[in-house]
PDB file of N, CA and C in Angstrom:
ATOM      1  N   MET A   1     -15.003 -30.920  -4.346  1.00  0.00           N
ATOM      2  CA  MET A   1     -15.052 -29.487  -4.520  1.00  0.00           C
ATOM      3  C   MET A   1     -13.889 -29.051  -5.410  1.00  0.00           C
ATOM      4  N   ILE A   2     -14.174 -28.220  -6.370  1.00  0.00           N
ATOM      5  CA  ILE A   2     -13.166 -27.660  -7.272  1.00  0.00           C
ATOM      6  C   ILE A   2     -12.860 -26.241  -6.802  1.00  0.00           C
ATOM      7  N   LYS A   3     -11.571 -25.923  -6.666  1.00  0.00           N
ATOM      8  CA  LYS A   3     -11.171 -24.573  -6.275  1.00  0.00           C
ATOM      9  C   LYS A   3     -10.474 -23.911  -7.450  1.00  0.00           C
ATOM     10  N   LYS A   4     -10.884 -22.714  -7.778  1.00  0.00           N
ATOM     11  CA  LYS A   4     -10.243 -21.924  -8.836  1.00  0.00           C
ATOM     12  C   LYS A   4     -10.054 -20.516  -8.303  1.00  0.00           C
ATOM     13  N   LYS A   5      -9.071 -19.825  -8.843  1.00  0.00           N
ATOM     14  CA  LYS A   5      -8.794 -18.461  -8.425  1.00  0.00           C
ATOM     15  C   LYS A   5      -8.756 -17.577  -9.663  1.00  0.00           C
ATOM     16  N   THR A   6      -9.365 -16.405  -9.595  1.00  0.00           N
ATOM     17  CA  THR A   6      -9.333 -15.439 -10.681  1.00  0.00           C
ATOM     18  C   THR A   6      -9.449 -14.047 -10.095  1.00  0.00           C
ATOM     19  N   LYS A   7      -9.083 -13.049 -10.847  1.00  0.00           N
ATOM     20  CA  LYS A   7      -9.260 -11.661 -10.421  1.00  0.00           C
ATOM     21  C   LYS A   7     -10.587 -11.150 -10.962  1.00  0.00           C
ATOM     22  N   ALA A   8     -11.165 -10.196 -10.253  1.00  0.00           N
ATOM     23  CA  ALA A   8     -12.439  -9.617 -10.656  1.00  0.00           C
ATOM     24  C   ALA A   8     -12.451  -8.146 -10.276  1.00  0.00           C
ATOM     25  N   ALA A   9     -13.387  -7.424 -10.846  1.00  0.00           N
ATOM     26  CA  ALA A   9     -13.580  -6.009 -10.522  1.00  0.00           C
ATOM     27  C   ALA A   9     -15.004  -5.825 -10.019  1.00  0.00           C
ATOM     28  N   TYR A  10     -15.169  -4.911  -9.091  1.00  0.00           N
ATOM     29  CA  TYR A  10     -16.487  -4.602  -8.548  1.00  0.00           C
ATOM     30  C   TYR A  10     -16.961  -3.305  -9.201  1.00  0.00           C
ATOM     31  N   ARG A  11     -18.039  -3.385  -9.986  1.00  0.00           N
ATOM     32  CA  ARG A  11     -18.554  -2.221 -10.710  1.00  0.00           C
ATOM     33  C   ARG A  11     -20.075  -2.187 -10.601  1.00  0.00           C
ATOM     34  N   ASN A  12     -20.608  -1.062 -10.224  1.00  0.00           N
ATOM     35  CA  ASN A  12     -22.063  -0.873 -10.169  1.00  0.00           C
ATOM     36  C   ASN A  12     -22.769  -1.985  -9.400  1.00  0.00           C
ATOM     37  N   GLY A  13     -22.175  -2.396  -8.287  1.00  0.00           N
ATOM     38  CA  GLY A  13     -22.797  -3.406  -7.443  1.00  0.00           C
ATOM     39  C   GLY A  13     -22.673  -4.836  -7.928  1.00  0.00           C
ATOM     40  N   VAL A  14     -21.831  -5.081  -8.952  1.00  0.00           N
ATOM     41  CA  VAL A  14     -21.679  -6.421  -9.522  1.00  0.00           C
ATOM     42  C   VAL A  14     -20.202  -6.801  -9.546  1.00  0.00           C
ATOM     43  N   ILE A  15     -19.885  -8.042  -9.146  1.00  0.00           N
ATOM     44  CA  ILE A  15     -18.524  -8.557  -9.251  1.00  0.00           C
ATOM     45  C   ILE A  15     -18.356  -9.142 -10.648  1.00  0.00           C
ATOM     46  N   GLU A  16     -17.421  -8.575 -11.432  1.00  0.00           N
ATOM     47  CA  GLU A  16     -17.199  -9.006 -12.812  1.00  0.00           C
ATOM     48  C   GLU A  16     -15.836  -9.682 -12.926  1.00  0.00           C
ATOM     49  N   PRO A  17     -15.793 -10.966 -13.310  1.00  0.00           N
ATOM     50  CA  PRO A  17     -14.499 -11.637 -13.500  1.00  0.00           C
ATOM     51  C   PRO A  17     -13.687 -10.939 -14.596  1.00  0.00           C
ATOM     52  N   LEU A  18     -12.370 -10.874 -14.405  1.00  0.00           N
ATOM     53  CA  LEU A  18     -11.498 -10.274 -15.412  1.00  0.00           C
ATOM     54  C   LEU A  18     -10.996 -11.311 -16.408  1.00  0.00           C
ATOM     55  N   ASP A  19     -11.172 -12.584 -16.082  1.00  0.00           N
ATOM     56  CA  ASP A  19     -10.797 -13.679 -16.976  1.00  0.00           C
ATOM     57  C   ASP A  19     -12.041 -14.489 -17.321  1.00  0.00           C
ATOM     58  N   LYS A  20     -11.970 -15.234 -18.430  1.00  0.00           N
ATOM     59  CA  LYS A  20     -13.078 -16.107 -18.816  1.00  0.00           C
ATOM     60  C   LYS A  20     -13.193 -17.235 -17.795  1.00  0.00           C
ATOM     61  N   ILE A  21     -14.401 -17.506 -17.363  1.00  0.00           N
ATOM     62  CA  ILE A  21     -14.661 -18.590 -16.419  1.00  0.00           C
ATOM     63  C   ILE A  21     -15.489 -19.638 -17.145  1.00  0.00           C
ATOM     64  N   ASP A  22     -14.951 -20.843 -17.217  1.00  0.00           N
ATOM     65  CA  ASP A  22     -15.605 -21.925 -17.944  1.00  0.00           C
ATOM     66  C   ASP A  22     -16.482 -22.739 -16.986  1.00  0.00           C
ATOM     67  N   LEU A  23     -17.712 -22.270 -16.778  1.00  0.00           N
ATOM     68  CA  LEU A  23     -18.675 -22.944 -15.910  1.00  0.00           C
ATOM     69  C   LEU A  23     -20.022 -22.995 -16.605  1.00  0.00           C
ATOM     70  N   PRO A  24     -20.832 -23.965 -16.250  1.00  0.00           N
ATOM     71  CA  PRO A  24     -22.175 -24.016 -16.823  1.00  0.00           C
ATOM     72  C   PRO A  24     -23.013 -22.823 -16.351  1.00  0.00           C
ATOM     73  N   GLU A  25     -23.885 -22.347 -17.202  1.00  0.00           N
ATOM     74  CA  GLU A  25     -24.785 -21.245 -16.863  1.00  0.00           C
ATOM     75  C   GLU A  25     -25.592 -21.626 -15.622  1.00  0.00           C
ATOM     76  N   GLY A  26     -25.670 -20.721 -14.667  1.00  0.00           N
ATOM     77  CA  GLY A  26     -26.447 -20.945 -13.452  1.00  0.00           C
ATOM     78  C   GLY A  26     -25.726 -21.730 -12.373  1.00  0.00           C
ATOM     79  N   GLN A  27     -24.452 -22.050 -12.589  1.00  0.00           N
ATOM     80  CA  GLN A  27     -23.688 -22.823 -11.600  1.00  0.00           C
ATOM     81  C   GLN A  27     -23.611 -22.058 -10.283  1.00  0.00           C
ATOM     82  N   ALA A  28     -23.960 -22.718  -9.192  1.00  0.00           N
ATOM     83  CA  ALA A  28     -23.852 -22.105  -7.864  1.00  0.00           C
ATOM     84  C   ALA A  28     -22.384 -22.041  -7.460  1.00  0.00           C
ATOM     85  N   LEU A  29     -21.990 -20.955  -6.823  1.00  0.00           N
ATOM     86  CA  LEU A  29     -20.605 -20.750  -6.406  1.00  0.00           C
ATOM     87  C   LEU A  29     -20.568 -20.259  -4.966  1.00  0.00           C
ATOM     88  N   GLU A  30     -19.493 -20.563  -4.292  1.00  0.00           N
ATOM     89  CA  GLU A  30     -19.195 -19.941  -3.007  1.00  0.00           C
ATOM     90  C   GLU A  30     -17.989 -19.052  -3.262  1.00  0.00           C
ATOM     91  N   ILE A  31     -18.101 -17.772  -2.952  1.00  0.00           N
ATOM     92  CA  ILE A  31     -17.038 -16.827  -3.280  1.00  0.00           C
ATOM     93  C   ILE A  31     -16.416 -16.279  -2.005  1.00  0.00           C
ATOM     94  N   GLU A  32     -15.093 -16.337  -1.950  1.00  0.00           N
ATOM     95  CA  GLU A  32     -14.321 -15.717  -0.881  1.00  0.00           C
ATOM     96  C   GLU A  32     -13.409 -14.714  -1.579  1.00  0.00           C
ATOM     97  N   PHE A  33     -13.349 -13.469  -1.113  1.00  0.00           N
ATOM     98  CA  PHE A  33     -12.527 -12.506  -1.828  1.00  0.00           C
ATOM     99  C   PHE A  33     -11.624 -11.723  -0.910  1.00  0.00           C
ATOM    100  N   ARG A  34     -10.533 -11.214  -1.503  1.00  0.00           N
ATOM    101  CA  ARG A  34      -9.601 -10.298  -0.862  1.00  0.00           C
ATOM    102  C   ARG A  34      -9.615  -9.012  -1.673  1.00  0.00           C
ATOM    103  N   VAL A  35      -9.608  -7.896  -1.018  1.00  0.00           N
ATOM    104  CA  VAL A  35      -9.530  -6.617  -1.716  1.00  0.00           C
ATOM    105  C   VAL A  35      -8.060  -6.368  -2.027  1.00  0.00           C
ATOM    106  N   LEU A  36      -7.740  -6.211  -3.323  1.00  0.00           N
ATOM    107  CA  LEU A  36      -6.365  -5.987  -3.749  1.00  0.00           C
ATOM    108  C   LEU A  36      -6.053  -4.494  -3.698  1.00  0.00           C
ATOM    109  N   LEU A  37      -4.913  -4.167  -3.149  1.00  0.00           N
ATOM    110  CA  LEU A  37      -4.496  -2.776  -3.096  1.00  0.00           C
ATOM    111  C   LEU A  37      -3.960  -2.344  -4.447  1.00  0.00           C
ATOM    112  N   LYS A  38      -4.095  -1.070  -4.744  1.00  0.00           N
ATOM    113  CA  LYS A  38      -3.554  -0.540  -5.991  1.00  0.00           C
ATOM    114  C   LYS A  38      -2.037  -0.474  -5.897  1.00  0.00           C
ATOM    115  N   THR A  39      -1.380  -0.698  -7.024  1.00  0.00           N
ATOM    116  CA  THR A  39       0.058  -0.480  -7.067  1.00  0.00           C
ATOM    117  C   THR A  39       0.282   1.026  -7.161  1.00  0.00           C
ATOM    118  N   PRO A  40       1.473   1.507  -6.793  1.00  0.00           N
ATOM    119  CA  PRO A  40       1.696   2.960  -6.777  1.00  0.00           C
ATOM    120  C   PRO A  40       1.361   3.670  -8.083  1.00  0.00           C
ATOM    121  N   HIS A  41       1.649   3.040  -9.245  1.00  0.00           N
ATOM    122  CA  HIS A  41       1.389   3.733 -10.507  1.00  0.00           C
ATOM    123  C   HIS A  41      -0.100   3.766 -10.852  1.00  0.00           C
ATOM    124  N   GLU A  42      -0.939   3.036 -10.110  1.00  0.00           N
ATOM    125  CA  GLU A  42      -2.379   3.064 -10.338  1.00  0.00           C
ATOM    126  C   GLU A  42      -3.090   4.112  -9.474  1.00  0.00           C
ATOM    127  N   LEU A  43      -2.378   4.698  -8.529  1.00  0.00           N
ATOM    128  CA  LEU A  43      -2.992   5.683  -7.644  1.00  0.00           C
ATOM    129  C   LEU A  43      -3.210   7.012  -8.368  1.00  0.00           C
ATOM    130  N   SER A  44      -4.302   7.673  -8.042  1.00  0.00           N
ATOM    131  CA  SER A  44      -4.542   9.013  -8.587  1.00  0.00           C
ATOM    132  C   SER A  44      -3.630  10.005  -7.867  1.00  0.00           C
ATOM    133  N   ARG A  45      -3.512  11.186  -8.404  1.00  0.00           N
ATOM    134  CA  ARG A  45      -2.702  12.231  -7.775  1.00  0.00           C
ATOM    135  C   ARG A  45      -3.196  12.502  -6.349  1.00  0.00           C
ATOM    136  N   GLU A  46      -4.500  12.547  -6.175  1.00  0.00           N
ATOM    137  CA  GLU A  46      -5.078  12.794  -4.840  1.00  0.00           C
ATOM    138  C   GLU A  46      -4.749  11.653  -3.876  1.00  0.00           C
ATOM    139  N   GLU A  47      -4.847  10.400  -4.366  1.00  0.00           N
ATOM    140  CA  GLU A  47      -4.526   9.247  -3.516  1.00  0.00           C
ATOM    141  C   GLU A  47      -3.049   9.258  -3.116  1.00  0.00           C
ATOM    142  N   LYS A  48      -2.176   9.660  -4.049  1.00  0.00           N
ATOM    143  CA  LYS A  48      -0.751   9.752  -3.727  1.00  0.00           C
ATOM    144  C   LYS A  48      -0.512  10.825  -2.667  1.00  0.00           C
ATOM    145  N   GLY A  49      -1.199  11.956  -2.801  1.00  0.00           N
ATOM    146  CA  GLY A  49      -1.080  13.019  -1.804  1.00  0.00           C
ATOM    147  C   GLY A  49      -1.547  12.552  -0.435  1.00  0.00           C
ATOM    148  N   ASP A  50      -2.659  11.820  -0.393  1.00  0.00           N
ATOM    149  CA  ASP A  50      -3.164  11.271   0.868  1.00  0.00           C
ATOM    150  C   ASP A  50      -2.156  10.298   1.474  1.00  0.00           C
ATOM    151  N   LEU A  51      -1.552   9.471   0.616  1.00  0.00           N
ATOM    152  CA  LEU A  51      -0.567   8.501   1.090  1.00  0.00           C
ATOM    153  C   LEU A  51       0.643   9.209   1.695  1.00  0.00           C
ATOM    154  N   ILE A  52       1.098  10.277   1.073  1.00  0.00           N
ATOM    155  CA  ILE A  52       2.226  11.043   1.605  1.00  0.00           C
ATOM    156  C   ILE A  52       1.882  11.555   2.996  1.00  0.00           C
ATOM    157  N   GLN A  53       0.654  12.067   3.164  1.00  0.00           N
ATOM    158  CA  GLN A  53       0.228  12.596   4.463  1.00  0.00           C
ATOM    159  C   GLN A  53       0.161  11.508   5.527  1.00  0.00           C
ATOM    160  N   LYS A  54      -0.183  10.286   5.139  1.00  0.00           N
ATOM    161  CA  LYS A  54      -0.334   9.184   6.085  1.00  0.00           C
ATOM    162  C   LYS A  54       0.995   8.545   6.482  1.00  0.00           C
ATOM    163  N   MET A  55       2.012   8.699   5.624  1.00  0.00           N
ATOM    164  CA  MET A  55       3.309   8.084   5.930  1.00  0.00           C
ATOM    165  C   MET A  55       3.923   8.773   7.139  1.00  0.00           C
ATOM    166  N   SER A  56       4.509   7.969   8.025  1.00  0.00           N
ATOM    167  CA  SER A  56       5.155   8.558   9.197  1.00  0.00           C
ATOM    168  C   SER A  56       6.326   7.688   9.614  1.00  0.00           C
ATOM    169  N   GLY A  57       7.079   8.159  10.569  1.00  0.00           N
ATOM    170  CA  GLY A  57       8.191   7.381  11.088  1.00  0.00           C
ATOM    171  C   GLY A  57       9.346   7.290  10.123  1.00  0.00           C
ATOM    172  N   SER A  58      10.073   6.202  10.205  1.00  0.00           N
ATOM    173  CA  SER A  58      11.307   6.050   9.441  1.00  0.00           C
ATOM    174  C   SER A  58      11.090   5.933   7.940  1.00  0.00           C
ATOM    175  N   MET A  59       9.874   5.568   7.511  1.00  0.00           N
ATOM    176  CA  MET A  59       9.618   5.419   6.075  1.00  0.00           C
ATOM    177  C   MET A  59       9.311   6.756   5.399  1.00  0.00           C
ATOM    178  N   LYS A  60       8.944   7.771   6.163  1.00  0.00           N
ATOM    179  CA  LYS A  60       8.579   9.049   5.558  1.00  0.00           C
ATOM    180  C   LYS A  60       9.756   9.610   4.775  1.00  0.00           C
ATOM    181  N   GLY A  61       9.511   9.981   3.552  1.00  0.00           N
ATOM    182  CA  GLY A  61      10.534  10.571   2.712  1.00  0.00           C
ATOM    183  C   GLY A  61      11.404   9.569   1.980  1.00  0.00           C
ATOM    184  N   THR A  62      11.225   8.270   2.237  1.00  0.00           N
ATOM    185  CA  THR A  62      12.059   7.258   1.595  1.00  0.00           C
ATOM    186  C   THR A  62      11.939   7.330   0.080  1.00  0.00           C
ATOM    187  N   TRP A  63      10.733   7.531  -0.428  1.00  0.00           N
ATOM    188  CA  TRP A  63      10.508   7.570  -1.873  1.00  0.00           C
ATOM    189  C   TRP A  63      10.316   8.987  -2.370  1.00  0.00           C
ATOM    190  N   GLY A  64      10.303   9.949  -1.480  1.00  0.00           N
ATOM    191  CA  GLY A  64      10.086  11.339  -1.835  1.00  0.00           C
ATOM    192  C   GLY A  64       9.061  11.965  -0.912  1.00  0.00           C
ATOM    193  N   ASN A  65       8.952  13.261  -1.015  1.00  0.00           N
ATOM    194  CA  ASN A  65       8.018  13.988  -0.154  1.00  0.00           C
ATOM    195  C   ASN A  65       6.899  14.659  -0.933  1.00  0.00           C
ATOM    196  N   THR A  66       6.952  14.562  -2.251  1.00  0.00           N
ATOM    197  CA  THR A  66       5.892  15.146  -3.080  1.00  0.00           C
ATOM    198  C   THR A  66       5.416  14.089  -4.069  1.00  0.00           C
ATOM    199  N   VAL A  67       4.254  14.325  -4.647  1.00  0.00           N
ATOM    200  CA  VAL A  67       3.727  13.406  -5.658  1.00  0.00           C
ATOM    201  C   VAL A  67       4.713  13.274  -6.810  1.00  0.00           C
ATOM    202  N   GLU A  68       5.311  14.375  -7.228  1.00  0.00           N
ATOM    203  CA  GLU A  68       6.247  14.351  -8.353  1.00  0.00           C
ATOM    204  C   GLU A  68       7.474  13.508  -8.037  1.00  0.00           C
ATOM    205  N   GLU A  69       8.016  13.640  -6.809  1.00  0.00           N
ATOM    206  CA  GLU A  69       9.187  12.858  -6.416  1.00  0.00           C
ATOM    207  C   GLU A  69       8.856  11.367  -6.369  1.00  0.00           C
ATOM    208  N   ILE A  70       7.680  11.029  -5.851  1.00  0.00           N
ATOM    209  CA  ILE A  70       7.271   9.624  -5.781  1.00  0.00           C
ATOM    210  C   ILE A  70       7.058   9.072  -7.186  1.00  0.00           C
ATOM    211  N   ASP A  71       6.410   9.848  -8.072  1.00  0.00           N
ATOM    212  CA  ASP A  71       6.240   9.404  -9.465  1.00  0.00           C
ATOM    213  C   ASP A  71       7.593   9.162 -10.130  1.00  0.00           C
ATOM    214  N   ALA A  72       8.557  10.059  -9.906  1.00  0.00           N
ATOM    215  CA  ALA A  72       9.891   9.910 -10.499  1.00  0.00           C
ATOM    216  C   ALA A  72      10.575   8.656  -9.949  1.00  0.00           C
ATOM    217  N   TYR A  73      10.426   8.402  -8.657  1.00  0.00           N
ATOM    218  CA  TYR A  73      11.008   7.205  -8.056  1.00  0.00           C
ATOM    219  C   TYR A  73      10.392   5.947  -8.658  1.00  0.00           C
ATOM    220  N   ILE A  74       9.080   5.913  -8.761  1.00  0.00           N
ATOM    221  CA  ILE A  74       8.392   4.746  -9.338  1.00  0.00           C
ATOM    222  C   ILE A  74       8.861   4.508 -10.763  1.00  0.00           C
ATOM    223  N   GLU A  75       8.959   5.567 -11.562  1.00  0.00           N
ATOM    224  CA  GLU A  75       9.398   5.434 -12.950  1.00  0.00           C
ATOM    225  C   GLU A  75      10.832   4.917 -13.031  1.00  0.00           C
ATOM    226  N   SER A  76      11.717   5.406 -12.161  1.00  0.00           N
ATOM    227  CA  SER A  76      13.106   4.932 -12.196  1.00  0.00           C
ATOM    228  C   SER A  76      13.183   3.465 -11.799  1.00  0.00           C
ATOM    229  N   GLU A  77      12.382   3.048 -10.833  1.00  0.00           N
ATOM    230  CA  GLU A  77      12.345   1.641 -10.436  1.00  0.00           C
ATOM    231  C   GLU A  77      11.796   0.778 -11.573  1.00  0.00           C
ATOM    232  N   ARG A  78      10.745   1.245 -12.214  1.00  0.00           N
ATOM    233  CA  ARG A  78      10.137   0.492 -13.314  1.00  0.00           C
ATOM    234  C   ARG A  78      11.155   0.279 -14.432  1.00  0.00           C
ATOM    235  N   GLN A  79      11.922   1.315 -14.750  1.00  0.00           N
ATOM    236  CA  GLN A  79      12.903   1.202 -15.824  1.00  0.00           C
ATOM    237  C   GLN A  79      14.057   0.285 -15.453  1.00  0.00           C
ATOM    238  N   SER A  80      14.328   0.129 -14.161  1.00  0.00           N
ATOM    239  CA  SER A  80      15.441  -0.716 -13.739  1.00  0.00           C
ATOM    240  C   SER A  80      15.089  -2.198 -13.758  1.00  0.00           C
ATOM    241  N   TRP A  81      13.826  -2.514 -13.888  1.00  0.00           N
ATOM    242  CA  TRP A  81      13.385  -3.905 -13.932  1.00  0.00           C
ATOM    243  C   TRP A  81      13.255  -4.356 -15.384  1.00  0.00           C
ATOM    244  N   ASP A  82      13.334  -5.659 -15.586  1.00  0.00           N
ATOM    245  CA  ASP A  82      13.129  -6.211 -16.921  1.00  0.00           C
ATOM    246  C   ASP A  82      11.648  -6.266 -17.279  1.00  0.00           C
ATOM    247  N   ARG A  83      10.787  -6.167 -16.273  1.00  0.00           N
ATOM    248  CA  ARG A  83       9.343  -6.212 -16.508  1.00  0.00           C
ATOM    249  C   ARG A  83       8.697  -5.101 -15.714  1.00  0.00           C
ATOM    250  N   GLU A  84       7.503  -4.699 -16.157  1.00  0.00           N
ATOM    251  CA  GLU A  84       6.728  -3.708 -15.417  1.00  0.00           C
ATOM    252  C   GLU A  84       5.923  -4.414 -14.357  1.00  0.00           C
ATOM    253  N   PHE A  85       5.600  -3.691 -13.286  1.00  0.00           N
ATOM    254  CA  PHE A  85       4.748  -4.272 -12.254  1.00  0.00           C
ATOM    255  C   PHE A  85       3.400  -3.635 -12.281  1.00  0.00           C
TER     256      PHE A  85
END
């Protein structure tokens, strides 16, 4: 058995690989998948607002209390790294 790993996107009821897969046409596959969470900069404004509402306990307010504060925090962190995430 050959095991390979790649990322894919689910669109219109079809799983589409994001990388080229070198397999013969019609090759049978067994697929196991994990749903990847969005990184903070990929969230929509509405999703960020929902996330703020869901945060509770000691983590609440760590990155900010508004979408704008969280966006500013993410941008400052991104600039402090040598690479983007």
